[in-house]
């Protein structure tokens, strides 16, 4: 049997055999458990990260870089969704410590590089991932770890207009991504939901550090944007851009340009 990309499905002997032929990359999908409107599952962000990882594995294989997907982290810093059922949050320090331990463990096991692949975009959550990656890079070297982040200008500008406006939580952007990968997960009510042009990014800036919640800014059903406009084609186009982001940052570290 040819080993698949999922680390958890390998035996220890199979993993040992693979790691004897470096470099091998590990991807850690990171998401959350939180409400995504009445039409998407609580695990949407984790599902999206797993799907980006699968596409990144395919692209890296074309570069002759074997890549495994570690078991996902399905919890994150999820404060904005408090008050809704299913919003399960970690403290930022807990998430940072967890990821730091996992990165160190994978590198100690023989992986050449570890990338954090995230699709839960709450700023405090992203900051915890960034801190974990920076600490690992300082301890092990910048070539060993990456956090490709669509919240940066470099990558955010490659994504959809809804994403760039910030009204994309369970809107057209995320609903399209789920539609492309797991259409059965999109509830039929998605086609009946009115567009809600509330920008989370704007609300966060205007709050100036004060707490922000979905309910407090008018997201009464835990979504914003236009889920009724979602298409599988748009989702596939977004996956292509997200996977390119991940692969580009990995290759930049593994294969730096010659001086």
C-alpha atoms as a PDB file:
ATOM      1  CA  UNK A   1       0.000   0.000   0.000  1.00  0.00           C
ATOM      2  CA  UNK A   2       1.312   3.454  -0.919  1.00  0.00           C
ATOM      3  CA  UNK A   3       1.166   5.730   2.134  1.00  0.00           C
ATOM      4  CA  UNK A   4      -1.296   8.616   1.786  1.00  0.00           C
ATOM      5  CA  UNK A   5      -0.751  12.186   2.920  1.00  0.00           C
ATOM      6  CA  UNK A   6      -2.343  11.802   6.368  1.00  0.00           C
ATOM      7  CA  UNK A   7       0.278  11.368   9.085  1.00  0.00           C
ATOM      8  CA  UNK A   8      -2.179   9.747  11.479  1.00  0.00           C
ATOM      9  CA  UNK A   9      -2.875   6.929   8.991  1.00  0.00           C
ATOM     10  CA  UNK A  10       0.768   5.809   8.784  1.00  0.00           C
ATOM     11  CA  UNK A  11       2.448   3.207  10.944  1.00  0.00           C
ATOM     12  CA  UNK A  12       5.632   4.170  12.738  1.00  0.00           C
ATOM     13  CA  UNK A  13       7.634   1.987  10.322  1.00  0.00           C
ATOM     14  CA  UNK A  14       6.070   3.669   7.298  1.00  0.00           C
ATOM     15  CA  UNK A  15       6.861   7.098   8.709  1.00  0.00           C
ATOM     16  CA  UNK A  16      10.425   6.084   9.497  1.00  0.00           C
ATOM     17  CA  UNK A  17      10.920   4.880   5.932  1.00  0.00           C
ATOM     18  CA  UNK A  18       9.619   8.136   4.501  1.00  0.00           C
ATOM     19  CA  UNK A  19      11.775  10.294   6.765  1.00  0.00           C
ATOM     20  CA  UNK A  20      14.875   8.437   5.614  1.00  0.00           C
ATOM     21  CA  UNK A  21      14.517  10.344   2.311  1.00  0.00           C
ATOM     22  CA  UNK A  22      14.574  14.035   3.262  1.00  0.00           C
ATOM     23  CA  UNK A  23      13.421  16.703   2.893  1.00  0.00           C
ATOM     24  CA  UNK A  24       9.916  15.865   4.101  1.00  0.00           C
ATOM     25  CA  UNK A  25       7.430  18.614   4.957  1.00  0.00           C
ATOM     26  CA  UNK A  26       4.671  18.501   7.592  1.00  0.00           C
ATOM     27  CA  UNK A  27       1.533  20.610   7.343  1.00  0.00           C
ATOM     28  CA  UNK A  28      -0.563  21.313  10.442  1.00  0.00           C
ATOM     29  CA  UNK A  29      -4.158  22.268   9.542  1.00  0.00           C
ATOM     30  CA  UNK A  30      -5.523  24.761  12.068  1.00  0.00           C
ATOM     31  CA  UNK A  31      -9.127  25.880  12.375  1.00  0.00           C
ATOM     32  CA  UNK A  32     -11.779  26.420  15.000  1.00  0.00           C
ATOM     33  CA  UNK A  33     -15.061  25.186  16.371  1.00  0.00           C
ATOM     34  CA  UNK A  34     -17.474  28.096  16.051  1.00  0.00           C
ATOM     35  CA  UNK A  35     -20.768  29.097  14.382  1.00  0.00           C
ATOM     36  CA  UNK A  36     -20.775  29.789  10.658  1.00  0.00           C
ATOM     37  CA  UNK A  37     -24.334  30.906  10.165  1.00  0.00           C
ATOM     38  CA  UNK A  38     -27.327  28.579   9.850  1.00  0.00           C
ATOM     39  CA  UNK A  39     -25.879  27.005   6.703  1.00  0.00           C
ATOM     40  CA  UNK A  40     -22.283  25.892   7.396  1.00  0.00           C
ATOM     41  CA  UNK A  41     -20.902  23.457  10.013  1.00  0.00           C
ATOM     42  CA  UNK A  42     -19.114  24.467  13.188  1.00  0.00           C
ATOM     43  CA  UNK A  43     -15.911  22.898  11.870  1.00  0.00           C
ATOM     44  CA  UNK A  44     -15.827  24.950   8.661  1.00  0.00           C
ATOM     45  CA  UNK A  45     -12.440  26.568   9.282  1.00  0.00           C
ATOM     46  CA  UNK A  46     -10.793  23.220  10.011  1.00  0.00           C
ATOM     47  CA  UNK A  47     -12.355  21.676   6.906  1.00  0.00           C
ATOM     48  CA  UNK A  48     -10.978  24.520   4.782  1.00  0.00           C
ATOM     49  CA  UNK A  49      -7.477  24.111   6.210  1.00  0.00           C
ATOM     50  CA  UNK A  50      -7.508  20.376   5.514  1.00  0.00           C
ATOM     51  CA  UNK A  51      -8.582  21.021   1.930  1.00  0.00           C
ATOM     52  CA  UNK A  52      -5.846  23.619   1.397  1.00  0.00           C
ATOM     53  CA  UNK A  53      -3.349  21.098   2.766  1.00  0.00           C
ATOM     54  CA  UNK A  54      -4.489  18.420   0.317  1.00  0.00           C
ATOM     55  CA  UNK A  55      -3.990  20.771  -2.605  1.00  0.00           C
ATOM     56  CA  UNK A  56      -0.613  21.926  -1.271  1.00  0.00           C
ATOM     57  CA  UNK A  57       0.523  18.293  -1.031  1.00  0.00           C
ATOM     58  CA  UNK A  58      -0.229  17.846  -4.739  1.00  0.00           C
ATOM     59  CA  UNK A  59       1.733  20.960  -5.682  1.00  0.00           C
ATOM     60  CA  UNK A  60       4.716  20.023  -3.508  1.00  0.00           C
ATOM     61  CA  UNK A  61       4.801  16.536  -5.003  1.00  0.00           C
ATOM     62  CA  UNK A  62       5.459  18.186  -8.379  1.00  0.00           C
ATOM     63  CA  UNK A  63       8.569  19.680  -6.753  1.00  0.00           C
ATOM     64  CA  UNK A  64       9.593  16.201  -5.509  1.00  0.00           C
ATOM     65  CA  UNK A  65       8.982  17.241  -1.915  1.00  0.00           C
ATOM     66  CA  UNK A  66       7.050  14.544   0.010  1.00  0.00           C
ATOM     67  CA  UNK A  67       4.564  16.111   2.383  1.00  0.00           C
ATOM     68  CA  UNK A  68       2.371  14.800   5.184  1.00  0.00           C
ATOM     69  CA  UNK A  69      -0.670  16.361   6.817  1.00  0.00           C
ATOM     70  CA  UNK A  70      -0.582  16.180  10.611  1.00  0.00           C
ATOM     71  CA  UNK A  71      -3.787  15.688  12.625  1.00  0.00           C
ATOM     72  CA  UNK A  72      -5.738  18.969  12.558  1.00  0.00           C
ATOM     73  CA  UNK A  73      -6.150  21.412  15.413  1.00  0.00           C
ATOM     74  CA  UNK A  74      -9.890  21.979  15.434  1.00  0.00           C
ATOM     75  CA  UNK A  75      -9.987  24.580  18.194  1.00  0.00           C
ATOM     76  CA  UNK A  76      -8.742  28.150  18.263  1.00  0.00           C
ATOM     77  CA  UNK A  77      -9.179  31.567  19.817  1.00  0.00           C
ATOM     78  CA  UNK A  78     -12.893  32.072  19.211  1.00  0.00           C
ATOM     79  CA  UNK A  79     -14.038  35.103  21.206  1.00  0.00           C
ATOM     80  CA  UNK A  80     -16.039  36.974  18.566  1.00  0.00           C
ATOM     81  CA  UNK A  81     -18.634  34.185  18.387  1.00  0.00           C
ATOM     82  CA  UNK A  82     -19.383  34.048  22.110  1.00  0.00           C
ATOM     83  CA  UNK A  83     -23.067  33.916  22.873  1.00  0.00           C
ATOM     84  CA  UNK A  84     -23.766  31.428  20.063  1.00  0.00           C
ATOM     85  CA  UNK A  85     -23.995  27.668  20.577  1.00  0.00           C
ATOM     86  CA  UNK A  86     -20.887  25.801  19.555  1.00  0.00           C
ATOM     87  CA  UNK A  87     -18.333  28.548  20.089  1.00  0.00           C
ATOM     88  CA  UNK A  88     -15.495  26.691  21.838  1.00  0.00           C
ATOM     89  CA  UNK A  89     -12.454  28.845  22.491  1.00  0.00           C
ATOM     90  CA  UNK A  90      -8.886  28.298  23.647  1.00  0.00           C
ATOM     91  CA  UNK A  91      -6.813  30.963  25.342  1.00  0.00           C
ATOM     92  CA  UNK A  92      -4.234  32.436  23.005  1.00  0.00           C
ATOM     93  CA  UNK A  93      -1.419  31.277  25.268  1.00  0.00           C
ATOM     94  CA  UNK A  94      -2.798  27.726  25.226  1.00  0.00           C
ATOM     95  CA  UNK A  95      -2.921  27.653  21.432  1.00  0.00           C
ATOM     96  CA  UNK A  96       0.553  29.143  21.101  1.00  0.00           C
ATOM     97  CA  UNK A  97       2.017  26.600  23.526  1.00  0.00           C
ATOM     98  CA  UNK A  98       0.227  23.693  21.828  1.00  0.00           C
ATOM     99  CA  UNK A  99       1.496  24.656  18.390  1.00  0.00           C
ATOM    100  CA  UNK A 100       4.980  25.288  19.719  1.00  0.00           C
ATOM    101  CA  UNK A 101       5.118  21.786  21.174  1.00  0.00           C
ATOM    102  CA  UNK A 102       3.804  20.220  17.975  1.00  0.00           C
ATOM    103  CA  UNK A 103       6.251  22.087  15.746  1.00  0.00           C
ATOM    104  CA  UNK A 104       9.144  21.042  17.979  1.00  0.00           C
ATOM    105  CA  UNK A 105       7.952  17.435  18.029  1.00  0.00           C
ATOM    106  CA  UNK A 106       7.673  17.210  14.256  1.00  0.00           C
ATOM    107  CA  UNK A 107      11.093  18.767  13.713  1.00  0.00           C
ATOM    108  CA  UNK A 108      12.631  16.466  16.320  1.00  0.00           C
ATOM    109  CA  UNK A 109      11.059  13.522  14.497  1.00  0.00           C
ATOM    110  CA  UNK A 110      12.976  14.380  11.343  1.00  0.00           C
ATOM    111  CA  UNK A 111      10.739  16.655   9.275  1.00  0.00           C
ATOM    112  CA  UNK A 112      12.666  19.307   7.373  1.00  0.00           C
ATOM    113  CA  UNK A 113       9.945  21.929   7.606  1.00  0.00           C
ATOM    114  CA  UNK A 114       6.631  22.499   9.379  1.00  0.00           C
ATOM    115  CA  UNK A 115       3.961  24.847   8.000  1.00  0.00           C
ATOM    116  CA  UNK A 116       0.898  26.077   9.875  1.00  0.00           C
ATOM    117  CA  UNK A 117      -2.098  26.146   7.519  1.00  0.00           C
ATOM    118  CA  UNK A 118      -4.877  28.248   9.008  1.00  0.00           C
ATOM    119  CA  UNK A 119      -8.337  29.403   7.961  1.00  0.00           C
ATOM    120  CA  UNK A 120      -9.710  30.847  11.197  1.00  0.00           C
ATOM    121  CA  UNK A 121      -9.001  34.546  10.819  1.00  0.00           C
ATOM    122  CA  UNK A 122      -9.785  36.070  14.211  1.00  0.00           C
ATOM    123  CA  UNK A 123      -6.825  38.418  14.777  1.00  0.00           C
ATOM    124  CA  UNK A 124      -5.936  37.108  18.239  1.00  0.00           C
ATOM    125  CA  UNK A 125      -5.939  33.579  16.863  1.00  0.00           C
ATOM    126  CA  UNK A 126      -3.672  34.509  13.958  1.00  0.00           C
ATOM    127  CA  UNK A 127      -1.373  36.336  16.369  1.00  0.00           C
ATOM    128  CA  UNK A 128      -0.977  33.146  18.430  1.00  0.00           C
ATOM    129  CA  UNK A 129       0.001  31.185  15.310  1.00  0.00           C
ATOM    130  CA  UNK A 130       2.414  33.908  14.268  1.00  0.00           C
ATOM    131  CA  UNK A 131       4.026  33.914  17.716  1.00  0.00           C
ATOM    132  CA  UNK A 132       4.409  30.119  17.702  1.00  0.00           C
ATOM    133  CA  UNK A 133       5.999  30.159  14.252  1.00  0.00           C
ATOM    134  CA  UNK A 134       8.350  33.023  15.103  1.00  0.00           C
ATOM    135  CA  UNK A 135       9.487  31.330  18.323  1.00  0.00           C
ATOM    136  CA  UNK A 136      10.157  28.064  16.466  1.00  0.00           C
ATOM    137  CA  UNK A 137      12.036  29.899  13.711  1.00  0.00           C
ATOM    138  CA  UNK A 138      14.180  31.687  16.285  1.00  0.00           C
ATOM    139  CA  UNK A 139      15.020  28.393  17.983  1.00  0.00           C
ATOM    140  CA  UNK A 140      15.427  26.144  14.911  1.00  0.00           C
ATOM    141  CA  UNK A 141      16.118  28.470  12.002  1.00  0.00           C
ATOM    142  CA  UNK A 142      13.873  30.310   9.566  1.00  0.00           C
ATOM    143  CA  UNK A 143      14.093  27.498   7.016  1.00  0.00           C
ATOM    144  CA  UNK A 144      12.346  25.080   9.382  1.00  0.00           C
ATOM    145  CA  UNK A 145       8.919  26.680   9.913  1.00  0.00           C
ATOM    146  CA  UNK A 146       6.394  28.904   8.167  1.00  0.00           C
ATOM    147  CA  UNK A 147       2.986  30.443   8.744  1.00  0.00           C
ATOM    148  CA  UNK A 148       1.540  31.431   5.354  1.00  0.00           C
ATOM    149  CA  UNK A 149      -1.013  34.055   6.371  1.00  0.00           C
ATOM    150  CA  UNK A 150      -3.789  35.337   4.110  1.00  0.00           C
ATOM    151  CA  UNK A 151      -4.257  38.288   6.454  1.00  0.00           C
ATOM    152  CA  UNK A 152      -1.015  39.779   5.146  1.00  0.00           C
ATOM    153  CA  UNK A 153      -1.229  42.197   2.241  1.00  0.00           C
ATOM    154  CA  UNK A 154       0.922  39.919   0.085  1.00  0.00           C
ATOM    155  CA  UNK A 155      -1.676  37.158   0.045  1.00  0.00           C
ATOM    156  CA  UNK A 156      -4.916  38.868   1.023  1.00  0.00           C
ATOM    157  CA  UNK A 157      -4.928  40.919  -2.156  1.00  0.00           C
ATOM    158  CA  UNK A 158      -4.920  37.704  -4.229  1.00  0.00           C
ATOM    159  CA  UNK A 159      -8.266  36.584  -2.773  1.00  0.00           C
ATOM    160  CA  UNK A 160     -11.872  37.551  -3.552  1.00  0.00           C
ATOM    161  CA  UNK A 161     -13.397  40.996  -3.257  1.00  0.00           C
ATOM    162  CA  UNK A 162     -15.612  39.842  -0.390  1.00  0.00           C
ATOM    163  CA  UNK A 163     -12.561  38.577   1.464  1.00  0.00           C
ATOM    164  CA  UNK A 164     -10.778  41.889   0.957  1.00  0.00           C
ATOM    165  CA  UNK A 165     -13.796  43.853   2.227  1.00  0.00           C
ATOM    166  CA  UNK A 166     -13.905  41.737   5.376  1.00  0.00           C
ATOM    167  CA  UNK A 167     -17.566  40.672   5.145  1.00  0.00           C
ATOM    168  CA  UNK A 168     -16.628  37.063   4.483  1.00  0.00           C
ATOM    169  CA  UNK A 169     -17.409  35.082   7.639  1.00  0.00           C
ATOM    170  CA  UNK A 170     -19.660  32.302   6.309  1.00  0.00           C
ATOM    171  CA  UNK A 171     -20.420  34.548   3.350  1.00  0.00           C
ATOM    172  CA  UNK A 172     -19.819  33.972  -0.339  1.00  0.00           C
ATOM    173  CA  UNK A 173     -16.082  33.362   0.164  1.00  0.00           C
ATOM    174  CA  UNK A 174     -16.299  30.616   2.806  1.00  0.00           C
ATOM    175  CA  UNK A 175     -19.522  29.108   1.500  1.00  0.00           C
ATOM    176  CA  UNK A 176     -17.922  28.744  -1.932  1.00  0.00           C
ATOM    177  CA  UNK A 177     -14.956  26.947  -0.369  1.00  0.00           C
ATOM    178  CA  UNK A 178     -17.209  24.454   1.421  1.00  0.00           C
ATOM    179  CA  UNK A 179     -19.348  24.081  -1.715  1.00  0.00           C
ATOM    180  CA  UNK A 180     -16.263  23.157  -3.734  1.00  0.00           C
ATOM    181  CA  UNK A 181     -14.999  20.534  -1.291  1.00  0.00           C
ATOM    182  CA  UNK A 182     -18.005  19.164   0.598  1.00  0.00           C
ATOM    183  CA  UNK A 183     -21.221  20.367  -1.074  1.00  0.00           C
ATOM    184  CA  UNK A 184     -23.337  18.160   1.166  1.00  0.00           C
ATOM    185  CA  UNK A 185     -22.186  20.220   4.129  1.00  0.00           C
ATOM    186  CA  UNK A 186     -23.860  23.399   2.814  1.00  0.00           C
ATOM    187  CA  UNK A 187     -27.427  23.534   4.110  1.00  0.00           C
ATOM    188  CA  UNK A 188     -30.138  24.548   1.666  1.00  0.00           C
ATOM    189  CA  UNK A 189     -30.995  27.628   3.693  1.00  0.00           C
ATOM    190  CA  UNK A 190     -27.837  29.222   2.264  1.00  0.00           C
ATOM    191  CA  UNK A 191     -29.787  30.175  -0.880  1.00  0.00           C
ATOM    192  CA  UNK A 192     -32.376  32.014   1.206  1.00  0.00           C
ATOM    193  CA  UNK A 193     -30.031  34.122   3.306  1.00  0.00           C
ATOM    194  CA  UNK A 194     -30.003  37.840   2.521  1.00  0.00           C
ATOM    195  CA  UNK A 195     -26.674  39.551   1.940  1.00  0.00           C
ATOM    196  CA  UNK A 196     -25.355  41.227   5.072  1.00  0.00           C
ATOM    197  CA  UNK A 197     -22.691  43.840   4.235  1.00  0.00           C
ATOM    198  CA  UNK A 198     -21.019  44.041   7.637  1.00  0.00           C
ATOM    199  CA  UNK A 199     -17.225  44.138   7.500  1.00  0.00           C
ATOM    200  CA  UNK A 200     -15.579  42.401  10.417  1.00  0.00           C
ATOM    201  CA  UNK A 201     -12.302  44.095   9.506  1.00  0.00           C
ATOM    202  CA  UNK A 202     -13.908  47.543   9.747  1.00  0.00           C
ATOM    203  CA  UNK A 203     -15.651  46.690  13.018  1.00  0.00           C
ATOM    204  CA  UNK A 204     -12.356  45.534  14.530  1.00  0.00           C
ATOM    205  CA  UNK A 205     -10.596  48.753  13.505  1.00  0.00           C
ATOM    206  CA  UNK A 206     -13.408  50.920  14.823  1.00  0.00           C
ATOM    207  CA  UNK A 207     -13.447  49.091  18.159  1.00  0.00           C
ATOM    208  CA  UNK A 208      -9.853  50.285  18.828  1.00  0.00           C
ATOM    209  CA  UNK A 209      -9.064  47.340  21.043  1.00  0.00           C
ATOM    210  CA  UNK A 210     -12.477  47.013  22.710  1.00  0.00           C
ATOM    211  CA  UNK A 211     -14.135  43.571  22.597  1.00  0.00           C
ATOM    212  CA  UNK A 212     -15.923  42.678  19.354  1.00  0.00           C
ATOM    213  CA  UNK A 213     -18.679  40.088  19.015  1.00  0.00           C
ATOM    214  CA  UNK A 214     -20.720  38.915  16.071  1.00  0.00           C
ATOM    215  CA  UNK A 215     -23.954  39.786  17.866  1.00  0.00           C
ATOM    216  CA  UNK A 216     -22.641  43.178  18.925  1.00  0.00           C
ATOM    217  CA  UNK A 217     -21.991  44.300  15.346  1.00  0.00           C
ATOM    218  CA  UNK A 218     -25.258  43.002  13.895  1.00  0.00           C
ATOM    219  CA  UNK A 219     -24.317  39.473  12.791  1.00  0.00           C
ATOM    220  CA  UNK A 220     -27.408  38.064  14.475  1.00  0.00           C
ATOM    221  CA  UNK A 221     -27.157  34.687  12.698  1.00  0.00           C
ATOM    222  CA  UNK A 222     -23.351  34.437  12.899  1.00  0.00           C
ATOM    223  CA  UNK A 223     -22.697  35.181   9.232  1.00  0.00           C
ATOM    224  CA  UNK A 224     -21.903  38.167   7.079  1.00  0.00           C
ATOM    225  CA  UNK A 225     -21.462  38.656   3.356  1.00  0.00           C
ATOM    226  CA  UNK A 226     -23.510  36.945   0.641  1.00  0.00           C
ATOM    227  CA  UNK A 227     -23.669  33.154   1.061  1.00  0.00           C
ATOM    228  CA  UNK A 228     -26.480  32.880  -1.497  1.00  0.00           C
ATOM    229  CA  UNK A 229     -24.002  33.934  -4.211  1.00  0.00           C
ATOM    230  CA  UNK A 230     -21.528  31.125  -3.472  1.00  0.00           C
ATOM    231  CA  UNK A 231     -20.336  28.831  -6.268  1.00  0.00           C
ATOM    232  CA  UNK A 232     -18.122  25.770  -6.352  1.00  0.00           C
ATOM    233  CA  UNK A 233     -16.080  27.367  -9.138  1.00  0.00           C
ATOM    234  CA  UNK A 234     -15.213  30.348  -6.967  1.00  0.00           C
ATOM    235  CA  UNK A 235     -14.301  27.963  -4.172  1.00  0.00           C
ATOM    236  CA  UNK A 236     -11.886  26.047  -6.384  1.00  0.00           C
ATOM    237  CA  UNK A 237     -10.285  29.297  -7.541  1.00  0.00           C
ATOM    238  CA  UNK A 238      -9.802  30.353  -3.916  1.00  0.00           C
ATOM    239  CA  UNK A 239      -8.314  26.966  -3.000  1.00  0.00           C
ATOM    240  CA  UNK A 240      -5.832  27.359  -5.843  1.00  0.00           C
ATOM    241  CA  UNK A 241      -4.701  30.726  -4.486  1.00  0.00           C
ATOM    242  CA  UNK A 242      -4.537  29.490  -0.887  1.00  0.00           C
ATOM    243  CA  UNK A 243      -2.536  26.398  -1.837  1.00  0.00           C
ATOM    244  CA  UNK A 244      -0.181  28.545  -3.919  1.00  0.00           C
ATOM    245  CA  UNK A 245       0.346  30.764  -0.868  1.00  0.00           C
ATOM    246  CA  UNK A 246       1.304  27.779   1.290  1.00  0.00           C
ATOM    247  CA  UNK A 247       3.603  26.189  -1.283  1.00  0.00           C
ATOM    248  CA  UNK A 248       5.317  29.456  -2.192  1.00  0.00           C
ATOM    249  CA  UNK A 249       6.257  30.215   1.410  1.00  0.00           C
ATOM    250  CA  UNK A 250       7.503  26.678   2.009  1.00  0.00           C
ATOM    251  CA  UNK A 251       9.660  26.720  -1.126  1.00  0.00           C
ATOM    252  CA  UNK A 252      11.038  30.144  -0.256  1.00  0.00           C
ATOM    253  CA  UNK A 253      12.406  28.672   2.957  1.00  0.00           C
ATOM    254  CA  UNK A 254      13.500  25.291   1.670  1.00  0.00           C
ATOM    255  CA  UNK A 255      14.992  26.637  -1.557  1.00  0.00           C
ATOM    256  CA  UNK A 256      16.235  30.198  -0.890  1.00  0.00           C
ATOM    257  CA  UNK A 257      17.621  32.055  -3.931  1.00  0.00           C
ATOM    258  CA  UNK A 258      21.360  31.840  -4.506  1.00  0.00           C
ATOM    259  CA  UNK A 259      23.328  34.931  -3.402  1.00  0.00           C
END
